[in-house]
Amino acid sequence: MEQDSLTLHGDGISATVVGQGAELVSLRGADGMEFLWQAGPEWRRHSPVLFPIVGRLKGDQLRHRGQTYPLSQHGFARDKPFAWAERGPRSCTLVLTDDADTRARYPFAFRLAVTYTLDRHQLDVTFDITNIGDEPLPASIGAHPAFNWPLLPDLAKTDYQLTFADDEPAPIRRLKDGLLLETPQPTPVEGNILKLSERPFDEDAVIMDQPASTSVRYAAGRGPAIEMSWQGFRELGVWSKPGGAPFLCIEPWHGIASPVDFDGDFVDKPGLMLIAPAAKRVLSYQIRLVGHP
């Protein structure tokens, strides 16, 4: 693991990335405080990359041109070894390209590059998806960083809230057996504030499929805070494990689970990007660590 990991150092921040899944596994402030969930028994991941799908397909099956391929929830990128394309003191890039294993589950040619860069208390993460095949590339991608909740052990989980940049009046979506329910539900966001407790997650993720904001602040009345912003993503998931767990996931997505009644060809699935041959899509998000207010 030591050879397959890299710790980046910036001004007042450090981040550790591993080659397996191109996953961020640590994010620390200047005082060494860990902000990222450390893959405890409640959930054995830190910040997986969701590709080439976000969420679940009906029956975990991808249908394309009359054939069926097994593709499980959130896709395979999070469990694949990436190649290190660049390794520097403040930045690194890892790359995944299709191979026989991916094509048995997802019959498309692609190149996915994930770049992490530290800059002044902020981590920038960029996803670069290139279609290296000769037909349109149908794909989704999502970030899934999990942060400690609470950030300070002497605060309660209910001391925290998410403050969005804009009011969020749109209804949310929910899942049943991992698939998207047809009927939207009223949002738990009041104005631009989601008061955090375990209750919003009793029915799994809070899925904002038409968010007005492209940034959010995760904070309590005192102590450090996290500010996230994103570009190119269309949806946002907020999740903690139903029943209670000491982490909170803030997840920019381009894509969403299959609707419960969708069983068609994958290229017709709602929410996908369709990337033309030789074209690419670039999406990014930022995590900024903020000190005591």
C-alpha atoms as a PDB file:
ATOM      1  CA  MET A   1       0.000   0.000   0.000  1.00  0.00           C
ATOM      2  CA  GLU A   2       2.863   2.367   0.765  1.00  0.00           C
ATOM      3  CA  GLN A   3       4.157   2.159  -2.801  1.00  0.00           C
ATOM      4  CA  ASP A   4       0.642   2.545  -4.187  1.00  0.00           C
ATOM      5  CA  SER A   5      -0.159   5.709  -2.258  1.00  0.00           C
ATOM      6  CA  LEU A   6       0.939   9.318  -2.387  1.00  0.00           C
ATOM      7  CA  THR A   7       0.566  12.104   0.141  1.00  0.00           C
ATOM      8  CA  LEU A   8       0.300  15.588  -1.291  1.00  0.00           C
ATOM      9  CA  HIS A   9       1.279  18.611   0.781  1.00  0.00           C
ATOM     10  CA  GLY A  10       0.017  22.160   0.323  1.00  0.00           C
ATOM     11  CA  ASP A  11      -0.344  25.295   2.387  1.00  0.00           C
ATOM     12  CA  GLY A  12      -2.045  24.103   5.539  1.00  0.00           C
ATOM     13  CA  ILE A  13      -3.450  20.891   4.067  1.00  0.00           C
ATOM     14  CA  SER A  14      -2.375  17.374   3.115  1.00  0.00           C
ATOM     15  CA  ALA A  15      -4.151  14.682   1.118  1.00  0.00           C
ATOM     16  CA  THR A  16      -3.378  11.011   0.619  1.00  0.00           C
ATOM     17  CA  VAL A  17      -4.478   9.169  -2.521  1.00  0.00           C
ATOM     18  CA  VAL A  18      -4.179   5.454  -3.306  1.00  0.00           C
ATOM     19  CA  GLY A  19      -3.952   3.780  -6.688  1.00  0.00           C
ATOM     20  CA  GLN A  20      -6.770   1.357  -5.927  1.00  0.00           C
ATOM     21  CA  GLY A  21      -9.844   3.156  -7.208  1.00  0.00           C
ATOM     22  CA  ALA A  22      -7.887   6.452  -7.407  1.00  0.00           C
ATOM     23  CA  GLU A  23      -9.412   7.025  -3.980  1.00  0.00           C
ATOM     24  CA  LEU A  24      -8.771   9.899  -1.612  1.00  0.00           C
ATOM     25  CA  VAL A  25      -8.178   8.261   1.786  1.00  0.00           C
ATOM     26  CA  SER A  26      -7.040  11.163   3.989  1.00  0.00           C
ATOM     27  CA  LEU A  27      -7.538  14.915   4.124  1.00  0.00           C
ATOM     28  CA  ARG A  28      -5.849  16.755   6.972  1.00  0.00           C
ATOM     29  CA  GLY A  29      -5.573  20.351   8.076  1.00  0.00           C
ATOM     30  CA  ALA A  30      -2.414  22.125   9.218  1.00  0.00           C
ATOM     31  CA  ASP A  31      -2.814  20.848  12.777  1.00  0.00           C
ATOM     32  CA  GLY A  32      -3.116  17.259  11.574  1.00  0.00           C
ATOM     33  CA  MET A  33      -6.869  17.063  12.097  1.00  0.00           C
ATOM     34  CA  GLU A  34      -8.444  14.408   9.883  1.00  0.00           C
ATOM     35  CA  PHE A  35     -11.553  15.551   8.016  1.00  0.00           C
ATOM     36  CA  LEU A  36     -12.182  12.411   5.955  1.00  0.00           C
ATOM     37  CA  TRP A  37     -13.997   9.319   7.221  1.00  0.00           C
ATOM     38  CA  GLN A  38     -11.470   6.561   7.891  1.00  0.00           C
ATOM     39  CA  ALA A  39     -13.416   3.589   6.493  1.00  0.00           C
ATOM     40  CA  GLY A  40     -14.699   2.189   9.771  1.00  0.00           C
ATOM     41  CA  PRO A  41     -16.971  -0.832  10.121  1.00  0.00           C
ATOM     42  CA  GLU A  42     -20.107   1.139   9.262  1.00  0.00           C
ATOM     43  CA  TRP A  43     -18.787   1.748   5.725  1.00  0.00           C
ATOM     44  CA  ARG A  44     -15.468   0.487   4.413  1.00  0.00           C
ATOM     45  CA  ARG A  45     -14.737   3.299   1.976  1.00  0.00           C
ATOM     46  CA  HIS A  46     -13.456   6.879   2.143  1.00  0.00           C
ATOM     47  CA  SER A  47     -14.222   8.694  -1.109  1.00  0.00           C
ATOM     48  CA  PRO A  48     -14.904   6.283  -3.966  1.00  0.00           C
ATOM     49  CA  VAL A  49     -15.110   7.342  -7.607  1.00  0.00           C
ATOM     50  CA  LEU A  50     -18.475   6.360  -9.098  1.00  0.00           C
ATOM     51  CA  PHE A  51     -18.050   5.346 -12.762  1.00  0.00           C
ATOM     52  CA  PRO A  52     -19.431   4.451 -15.291  1.00  0.00           C
ATOM     53  CA  ILE A  53     -22.758   4.601 -13.440  1.00  0.00           C
ATOM     54  CA  VAL A  54     -24.086   6.400 -10.400  1.00  0.00           C
ATOM     55  CA  GLY A  55     -26.462   4.285  -8.368  1.00  0.00           C
ATOM     56  CA  ARG A  56     -27.951   1.009  -9.529  1.00  0.00           C
ATOM     57  CA  LEU A  57     -29.281  -0.455 -12.759  1.00  0.00           C
ATOM     58  CA  LYS A  58     -32.391  -2.604 -12.669  1.00  0.00           C
ATOM     59  CA  GLY A  59     -31.298  -6.140 -11.863  1.00  0.00           C
ATOM     60  CA  ASP A  60     -27.691  -4.886 -11.922  1.00  0.00           C
ATOM     61  CA  GLN A  61     -27.810  -5.491 -15.663  1.00  0.00           C
ATOM     62  CA  LEU A  62     -26.640  -3.235 -18.495  1.00  0.00           C
ATOM     63  CA  ARG A  63     -28.475  -3.812 -21.775  1.00  0.00           C
ATOM     64  CA  HIS A  64     -26.816  -2.821 -25.042  1.00  0.00           C
ATOM     65  CA  ARG A  65     -27.605  -3.917 -28.592  1.00  0.00           C
ATOM     66  CA  GLY A  66     -29.487  -7.001 -27.480  1.00  0.00           C
ATOM     67  CA  GLN A  67     -26.822  -8.187 -25.040  1.00  0.00           C
ATOM     68  CA  THR A  68     -26.826  -8.088 -21.249  1.00  0.00           C
ATOM     69  CA  TYR A  69     -23.800  -7.267 -19.085  1.00  0.00           C
ATOM     70  CA  PRO A  70     -23.490  -7.526 -15.276  1.00  0.00           C
ATOM     71  CA  LEU A  71     -22.777  -4.088 -13.793  1.00  0.00           C
ATOM     72  CA  SER A  72     -23.177  -3.565 -10.062  1.00  0.00           C
ATOM     73  CA  GLN A  73     -24.030  -0.434  -8.108  1.00  0.00           C
ATOM     74  CA  HIS A  74     -21.842   2.645  -8.785  1.00  0.00           C
ATOM     75  CA  GLY A  75     -19.819   0.759 -11.389  1.00  0.00           C
ATOM     76  CA  PHE A  76     -16.324  -0.696 -11.248  1.00  0.00           C
ATOM     77  CA  ALA A  77     -13.888   2.234 -11.088  1.00  0.00           C
ATOM     78  CA  ARG A  78     -13.844   2.268  -7.282  1.00  0.00           C
ATOM     79  CA  ASP A  79     -12.528  -1.319  -7.272  1.00  0.00           C
ATOM     80  CA  LYS A  80     -10.030  -1.113 -10.130  1.00  0.00           C
ATOM     81  CA  PRO A  81      -6.318  -0.293  -9.899  1.00  0.00           C
ATOM     82  CA  PHE A  82      -5.505   2.968 -11.660  1.00  0.00           C
ATOM     83  CA  ALA A  83      -2.156   3.734 -13.263  1.00  0.00           C
ATOM     84  CA  TRP A  84      -0.141   6.646 -11.915  1.00  0.00           C
ATOM     85  CA  ALA A  85       0.304   9.102 -14.780  1.00  0.00           C
ATOM     86  CA  GLU A  86       1.804  11.897 -12.672  1.00  0.00           C
ATOM     87  CA  ARG A  87       3.111  12.021  -9.097  1.00  0.00           C
ATOM     88  CA  GLY A  88       4.176  15.403  -7.735  1.00  0.00           C
ATOM     89  CA  PRO A  89       4.449  17.124  -4.351  1.00  0.00           C
ATOM     90  CA  ARG A  90       1.139  18.986  -4.768  1.00  0.00           C
ATOM     91  CA  SER A  91      -0.624  17.154  -7.583  1.00  0.00           C
ATOM     92  CA  CYS A  92      -1.128  13.706  -9.034  1.00  0.00           C
ATOM     93  CA  THR A  93      -3.063  12.110 -11.888  1.00  0.00           C
ATOM     94  CA  LEU A  94      -4.294   8.530 -12.064  1.00  0.00           C
ATOM     95  CA  VAL A  95      -5.718   6.871 -15.169  1.00  0.00           C
ATOM     96  CA  LEU A  96      -8.080   3.977 -15.870  1.00  0.00           C
ATOM     97  CA  THR A  97      -8.560   2.669 -19.415  1.00  0.00           C
ATOM     98  CA  ASP A  98     -10.950  -0.011 -20.587  1.00  0.00           C
ATOM     99  CA  ASP A  99      -9.664  -3.578 -20.644  1.00  0.00           C
ATOM    100  CA  ALA A 100     -11.101  -7.075 -21.037  1.00  0.00           C
ATOM    101  CA  ASP A 101     -12.496  -6.986 -17.491  1.00  0.00           C
ATOM    102  CA  THR A 102     -14.321  -3.672 -17.913  1.00  0.00           C
ATOM    103  CA  ARG A 103     -15.611  -4.578 -21.380  1.00  0.00           C
ATOM    104  CA  ALA A 104     -17.213  -7.727 -19.960  1.00  0.00           C
ATOM    105  CA  ARG A 105     -19.341  -5.414 -17.807  1.00  0.00           C
ATOM    106  CA  TYR A 106     -19.432  -2.221 -19.853  1.00  0.00           C
ATOM    107  CA  PRO A 107     -18.817  -2.697 -23.594  1.00  0.00           C
ATOM    108  CA  PHE A 108     -17.334   0.726 -24.333  1.00  0.00           C
ATOM    109  CA  ALA A 109     -13.855   2.176 -24.837  1.00  0.00           C
ATOM    110  CA  PHE A 110     -12.886   4.984 -22.457  1.00  0.00           C
ATOM    111  CA  ARG A 111     -10.092   6.739 -20.641  1.00  0.00           C
ATOM    112  CA  LEU A 112     -10.804   8.154 -17.175  1.00  0.00           C
ATOM    113  CA  ALA A 113      -8.216  10.446 -15.590  1.00  0.00           C
ATOM    114  CA  VAL A 114      -8.568  11.633 -11.985  1.00  0.00           C
ATOM    115  CA  THR A 115      -6.373  14.551 -10.890  1.00  0.00           C
ATOM    116  CA  TYR A 116      -5.889  15.772  -7.315  1.00  0.00           C
ATOM    117  CA  THR A 117      -4.273  19.167  -6.711  1.00  0.00           C
ATOM    118  CA  LEU A 118      -3.656  21.034  -3.452  1.00  0.00           C
ATOM    119  CA  ASP A 119      -3.773  24.813  -3.403  1.00  0.00           C
ATOM    120  CA  ARG A 120      -4.043  26.985  -0.265  1.00  0.00           C
ATOM    121  CA  HIS A 121      -6.260  24.987   2.091  1.00  0.00           C
ATOM    122  CA  GLN A 122      -8.192  23.538  -0.849  1.00  0.00           C
ATOM    123  CA  LEU A 123      -8.218  20.216  -2.663  1.00  0.00           C
ATOM    124  CA  ASP A 124      -9.219  20.321  -6.341  1.00  0.00           C
ATOM    125  CA  VAL A 125     -10.415  17.071  -7.918  1.00  0.00           C
ATOM    126  CA  THR A 126     -10.897  16.767 -11.680  1.00  0.00           C
ATOM    127  CA  PHE A 127     -12.507  13.932 -13.627  1.00  0.00           C
ATOM    128  CA  ASP A 128     -11.527  13.809 -17.318  1.00  0.00           C
ATOM    129  CA  ILE A 129     -13.528  11.264 -19.359  1.00  0.00           C
ATOM    130  CA  THR A 130     -12.400  10.672 -22.950  1.00  0.00           C
ATOM    131  CA  ASN A 131     -14.193   8.558 -25.533  1.00  0.00           C
ATOM    132  CA  ILE A 132     -11.456   6.572 -27.252  1.00  0.00           C
ATOM    133  CA  GLY A 133     -13.947   4.393 -29.113  1.00  0.00           C
ATOM    134  CA  ASP A 134     -15.850   4.811 -32.371  1.00  0.00           C
ATOM    135  CA  GLU A 135     -19.384   5.065 -30.984  1.00  0.00           C
ATOM    136  CA  PRO A 136     -20.976   7.487 -28.493  1.00  0.00           C
ATOM    137  CA  LEU A 137     -19.864   6.802 -24.913  1.00  0.00           C
ATOM    138  CA  PRO A 138     -22.793   6.643 -22.465  1.00  0.00           C
ATOM    139  CA  ALA A 139     -21.504   7.311 -18.964  1.00  0.00           C
ATOM    140  CA  SER A 140     -22.180   8.790 -15.567  1.00  0.00           C
ATOM    141  CA  ILE A 141     -19.686   9.850 -12.931  1.00  0.00           C
ATOM    142  CA  GLY A 142     -19.938  10.894  -9.336  1.00  0.00           C
ATOM    143  CA  ALA A 143     -17.874  11.892  -6.335  1.00  0.00           C
ATOM    144  CA  HIS A 144     -18.580  10.271  -2.959  1.00  0.00           C
ATOM    145  CA  PRO A 145     -16.398  11.918  -0.278  1.00  0.00           C
ATOM    146  CA  ALA A 146     -17.328  11.008   3.292  1.00  0.00           C
ATOM    147  CA  PHE A 147     -16.514  13.472   6.047  1.00  0.00           C
ATOM    148  CA  ASN A 148     -16.380  12.885   9.757  1.00  0.00           C
ATOM    149  CA  TRP A 149     -19.681  13.771  11.410  1.00  0.00           C
ATOM    150  CA  PRO A 150     -19.267  15.472  13.802  1.00  0.00           C
ATOM    151  CA  LEU A 151     -15.970  17.094  12.866  1.00  0.00           C
ATOM    152  CA  LEU A 152     -15.218  17.797  16.536  1.00  0.00           C
ATOM    153  CA  PRO A 153     -15.857  14.973  19.003  1.00  0.00           C
ATOM    154  CA  ASP A 154     -17.327  17.255  21.661  1.00  0.00           C
ATOM    155  CA  LEU A 155     -20.089  18.448  19.320  1.00  0.00           C
ATOM    156  CA  ALA A 156     -23.319  16.617  18.537  1.00  0.00           C
ATOM    157  CA  LYS A 157     -24.247  15.548  15.030  1.00  0.00           C
ATOM    158  CA  THR A 158     -27.310  17.770  15.301  1.00  0.00           C
ATOM    159  CA  ASP A 159     -25.078  20.820  15.866  1.00  0.00           C
ATOM    160  CA  TYR A 160     -24.215  20.667  12.159  1.00  0.00           C
ATOM    161  CA  GLN A 161     -26.005  21.890   9.079  1.00  0.00           C
ATOM    162  CA  LEU A 162     -25.502  22.228   5.363  1.00  0.00           C
ATOM    163  CA  THR A 163     -25.821  25.785   4.078  1.00  0.00           C
ATOM    164  CA  PHE A 164     -26.331  25.945   0.323  1.00  0.00           C
ATOM    165  CA  ALA A 165     -25.348  28.958  -1.771  1.00  0.00           C
ATOM    166  CA  ASP A 166     -28.942  29.363  -2.956  1.00  0.00           C
ATOM    167  CA  ASP A 167     -32.402  28.444  -1.728  1.00  0.00           C
ATOM    168  CA  GLU A 168     -33.287  24.854  -2.610  1.00  0.00           C
ATOM    169  CA  PRO A 169     -37.087  24.639  -2.966  1.00  0.00           C
ATOM    170  CA  ALA A 170     -37.155  21.813  -5.524  1.00  0.00           C
ATOM    171  CA  PRO A 171     -38.474  18.422  -4.414  1.00  0.00           C
ATOM    172  CA  ILE A 172     -36.020  15.590  -3.854  1.00  0.00           C
ATOM    173  CA  ARG A 173     -35.922  12.025  -5.113  1.00  0.00           C
ATOM    174  CA  ARG A 174     -35.738   8.820  -3.114  1.00  0.00           C
ATOM    175  CA  LEU A 175     -34.736   5.225  -3.781  1.00  0.00           C
ATOM    176  CA  LYS A 176     -36.405   1.874  -3.331  1.00  0.00           C
ATOM    177  CA  ASP A 177     -34.129  -1.161  -3.535  1.00  0.00           C
ATOM    178  CA  GLY A 178     -31.530   1.156  -5.045  1.00  0.00           C
ATOM    179  CA  LEU A 179     -33.776   2.353  -7.885  1.00  0.00           C
ATOM    180  CA  LEU A 180     -35.258   5.804  -8.340  1.00  0.00           C
ATOM    181  CA  LEU A 181     -38.858   6.189  -7.229  1.00  0.00           C
ATOM    182  CA  GLU A 182     -41.128   7.924  -9.725  1.00  0.00           C
ATOM    183  CA  THR A 183     -42.761  10.412  -7.357  1.00  0.00           C
ATOM    184  CA  PRO A 184     -40.653  13.302  -6.018  1.00  0.00           C
ATOM    185  CA  GLN A 185     -40.884  14.129  -2.314  1.00  0.00           C
ATOM    186  CA  PRO A 186     -40.805  17.433  -0.417  1.00  0.00           C
ATOM    187  CA  THR A 187     -37.302  18.621   0.299  1.00  0.00           C
ATOM    188  CA  PRO A 188     -35.980  18.628   3.877  1.00  0.00           C
ATOM    189  CA  VAL A 189     -33.994  21.779   3.005  1.00  0.00           C
ATOM    190  CA  GLU A 190     -35.544  24.858   4.605  1.00  0.00           C
ATOM    191  CA  GLY A 191     -34.636  27.842   2.470  1.00  0.00           C
ATOM    192  CA  ASN A 192     -30.953  27.162   1.913  1.00  0.00           C
ATOM    193  CA  ILE A 193     -30.331  25.179   5.119  1.00  0.00           C
ATOM    194  CA  LEU A 194     -30.463  21.443   5.735  1.00  0.00           C
ATOM    195  CA  LYS A 195     -30.354  20.862   9.487  1.00  0.00           C
ATOM    196  CA  LEU A 196     -28.482  17.647   9.971  1.00  0.00           C
ATOM    197  CA  SER A 197     -29.717  14.682  11.941  1.00  0.00           C
ATOM    198  CA  GLU A 198     -29.998  10.985  11.208  1.00  0.00           C
ATOM    199  CA  ARG A 199     -33.674  11.243  10.263  1.00  0.00           C
ATOM    200  CA  PRO A 200     -33.268  12.529   6.683  1.00  0.00           C
ATOM    201  CA  PHE A 201     -31.296   9.367   5.922  1.00  0.00           C
ATOM    202  CA  ASP A 202     -33.818   6.861   7.281  1.00  0.00           C
ATOM    203  CA  GLU A 203     -34.913   6.406   3.657  1.00  0.00           C
ATOM    204  CA  ASP A 204     -31.359   6.349   2.294  1.00  0.00           C
ATOM    205  CA  ALA A 205     -29.848   9.243   0.336  1.00  0.00           C
ATOM    206  CA  VAL A 206     -31.333  12.691  -0.079  1.00  0.00           C
ATOM    207  CA  ILE A 207     -31.129  13.072  -3.864  1.00  0.00           C
ATOM    208  CA  MET A 208     -31.314  16.585  -5.270  1.00  0.00           C
ATOM    209  CA  ASP A 209     -31.858  16.076  -8.993  1.00  0.00           C
ATOM    210  CA  GLN A 210     -32.299  19.770  -9.754  1.00  0.00           C
ATOM    211  CA  PRO A 211     -30.144  21.683  -7.270  1.00  0.00           C
ATOM    212  CA  ALA A 212     -29.955  25.451  -7.645  1.00  0.00           C
ATOM    213  CA  SER A 213     -26.583  25.654  -5.883  1.00  0.00           C
ATOM    214  CA  THR A 214     -23.108  24.676  -6.994  1.00  0.00           C
ATOM    215  CA  SER A 215     -21.602  25.027  -3.518  1.00  0.00           C
ATOM    216  CA  VAL A 216     -22.407  24.156   0.079  1.00  0.00           C
ATOM    217  CA  ARG A 217     -20.892  24.708   3.531  1.00  0.00           C
ATOM    218  CA  TYR A 218     -20.831  21.935   6.134  1.00  0.00           C
ATOM    219  CA  ALA A 219     -20.366  23.406   9.618  1.00  0.00           C
ATOM    220  CA  ALA A 220     -21.546  23.767  13.187  1.00  0.00           C
ATOM    221  CA  GLY A 221     -21.751  26.991  15.172  1.00  0.00           C
ATOM    222  CA  ARG A 222     -18.085  26.627  16.093  1.00  0.00           C
ATOM    223  CA  GLY A 223     -15.067  24.675  15.014  1.00  0.00           C
ATOM    224  CA  PRO A 224     -13.743  23.916  11.534  1.00  0.00           C
ATOM    225  CA  ALA A 225     -15.933  23.819   8.458  1.00  0.00           C
ATOM    226  CA  ILE A 226     -15.848  22.304   4.989  1.00  0.00           C
ATOM    227  CA  GLU A 227     -16.856  24.187   1.870  1.00  0.00           C
ATOM    228  CA  MET A 228     -17.538  22.206  -1.289  1.00  0.00           C
ATOM    229  CA  SER A 229     -18.121  23.527  -4.785  1.00  0.00           C
ATOM    230  CA  TRP A 230     -18.510  21.731  -8.093  1.00  0.00           C
ATOM    231  CA  GLN A 231     -18.590  22.280 -11.856  1.00  0.00           C
ATOM    232  CA  GLY A 232     -20.160  20.114 -14.571  1.00  0.00           C
ATOM    233  CA  PHE A 233     -22.247  17.974 -12.235  1.00  0.00           C
ATOM    234  CA  ARG A 234     -26.047  18.083 -12.437  1.00  0.00           C
ATOM    235  CA  GLU A 235     -27.230  16.254  -9.326  1.00  0.00           C
ATOM    236  CA  LEU A 236     -26.220  16.170  -5.674  1.00  0.00           C
ATOM    237  CA  GLY A 237     -26.566  13.330  -3.204  1.00  0.00           C
ATOM    238  CA  VAL A 238     -26.335  13.734   0.563  1.00  0.00           C
ATOM    239  CA  TRP A 239     -26.012  10.464   2.433  1.00  0.00           C
ATOM    240  CA  SER A 240     -25.223   8.786   5.688  1.00  0.00           C
ATOM    241  CA  LYS A 241     -25.874   5.163   6.470  1.00  0.00           C
ATOM    242  CA  PRO A 242     -29.473   4.575   7.594  1.00  0.00           C
ATOM    243  CA  GLY A 243     -29.558   3.730  11.267  1.00  0.00           C
ATOM    244  CA  GLY A 244     -26.724   6.091  12.084  1.00  0.00           C
ATOM    245  CA  ALA A 245     -23.022   6.338  11.294  1.00  0.00           C
ATOM    246  CA  PRO A 246     -20.342   8.929  12.127  1.00  0.00           C
ATOM    247  CA  PHE A 247     -19.883  10.210   8.576  1.00  0.00           C
ATOM    248  CA  LEU A 248     -21.656  12.461   6.092  1.00  0.00           C
ATOM    249  CA  CYS A 249     -21.256  12.147   2.325  1.00  0.00           C
ATOM    250  CA  ILE A 250     -21.676  15.165   0.043  1.00  0.00           C
ATOM    251  CA  GLU A 251     -21.760  13.811  -3.499  1.00  0.00           C
ATOM    252  CA  PRO A 252     -21.776  15.797  -6.753  1.00  0.00           C
ATOM    253  CA  TRP A 253     -23.091  13.537  -9.517  1.00  0.00           C
ATOM    254  CA  HIS A 254     -23.687  13.547 -13.231  1.00  0.00           C
ATOM    255  CA  GLY A 255     -26.121  10.679 -13.367  1.00  0.00           C
ATOM    256  CA  ILE A 256     -28.604   8.928 -11.167  1.00  0.00           C
ATOM    257  CA  ALA A 257     -29.935   5.465 -10.417  1.00  0.00           C
ATOM    258  CA  SER A 258     -32.268   3.875 -12.956  1.00  0.00           C
ATOM    259  CA  PRO A 259     -35.948   4.681 -12.463  1.00  0.00           C
ATOM    260  CA  VAL A 260     -37.855   1.716 -11.033  1.00  0.00           C
ATOM    261  CA  ASP A 261     -39.743   1.296 -14.307  1.00  0.00           C
ATOM    262  CA  PHE A 262     -36.765   1.628 -16.680  1.00  0.00           C
ATOM    263  CA  ASP A 263     -35.537  -1.584 -18.271  1.00  0.00           C
ATOM    264  CA  GLY A 264     -34.426  -0.359 -21.685  1.00  0.00           C
ATOM    265  CA  ASP A 265     -31.169  -0.045 -23.571  1.00  0.00           C
ATOM    266  CA  PHE A 266     -28.437   1.569 -21.500  1.00  0.00           C
ATOM    267  CA  VAL A 267     -27.903   4.435 -23.944  1.00  0.00           C
ATOM    268  CA  ASP A 268     -31.515   5.501 -23.297  1.00  0.00           C
ATOM    269  CA  LYS A 269     -31.119   5.575 -19.514  1.00  0.00           C
ATOM    270  CA  PRO A 270     -32.044   8.975 -18.043  1.00  0.00           C
ATOM    271  CA  GLY A 271     -29.215  11.160 -16.790  1.00  0.00           C
ATOM    272  CA  LEU A 272     -26.320   9.847 -18.867  1.00  0.00           C
ATOM    273  CA  MET A 273     -23.660  11.819 -20.645  1.00  0.00           C
ATOM    274  CA  LEU A 274     -23.311  10.813 -24.298  1.00  0.00           C
ATOM    275  CA  ILE A 275     -19.740  11.646 -25.277  1.00  0.00           C
ATOM    276  CA  ALA A 276     -18.959  11.656 -28.999  1.00  0.00           C
ATOM    277  CA  PRO A 277     -15.990   9.672 -30.348  1.00  0.00           C
ATOM    278  CA  ALA A 278     -12.671  11.453 -29.656  1.00  0.00           C
ATOM    279  CA  ALA A 279     -14.472  13.960 -27.416  1.00  0.00           C
ATOM    280  CA  LYS A 280     -14.147  14.332 -23.661  1.00  0.00           C
ATOM    281  CA  ARG A 281     -15.982  15.738 -20.662  1.00  0.00           C
ATOM    282  CA  VAL A 282     -14.275  17.435 -17.734  1.00  0.00           C
ATOM    283  CA  LEU A 283     -15.983  17.760 -14.353  1.00  0.00           C
ATOM    284  CA  SER A 284     -14.450  18.995 -11.120  1.00  0.00           C
ATOM    285  CA  TYR A 285     -15.097  19.684  -7.472  1.00  0.00           C
ATOM    286  CA  GLN A 286     -13.274  21.423  -4.659  1.00  0.00           C
ATOM    287  CA  ILE A 287     -13.028  20.781  -0.926  1.00  0.00           C
ATOM    288  CA  ARG A 288     -11.922  23.770   1.113  1.00  0.00           C
ATOM    289  CA  LEU A 289     -10.986  23.386   4.759  1.00  0.00           C
ATOM    290  CA  VAL A 290     -11.967  26.393   6.826  1.00  0.00           C
ATOM    291  CA  GLY A 291     -10.546  27.086  10.293  1.00  0.00           C
ATOM    292  CA  HIS A 292     -12.340  28.294  13.390  1.00  0.00           C
ATOM    293  CA  PRO A 293     -14.865  30.994  12.467  1.00  0.00           C
END
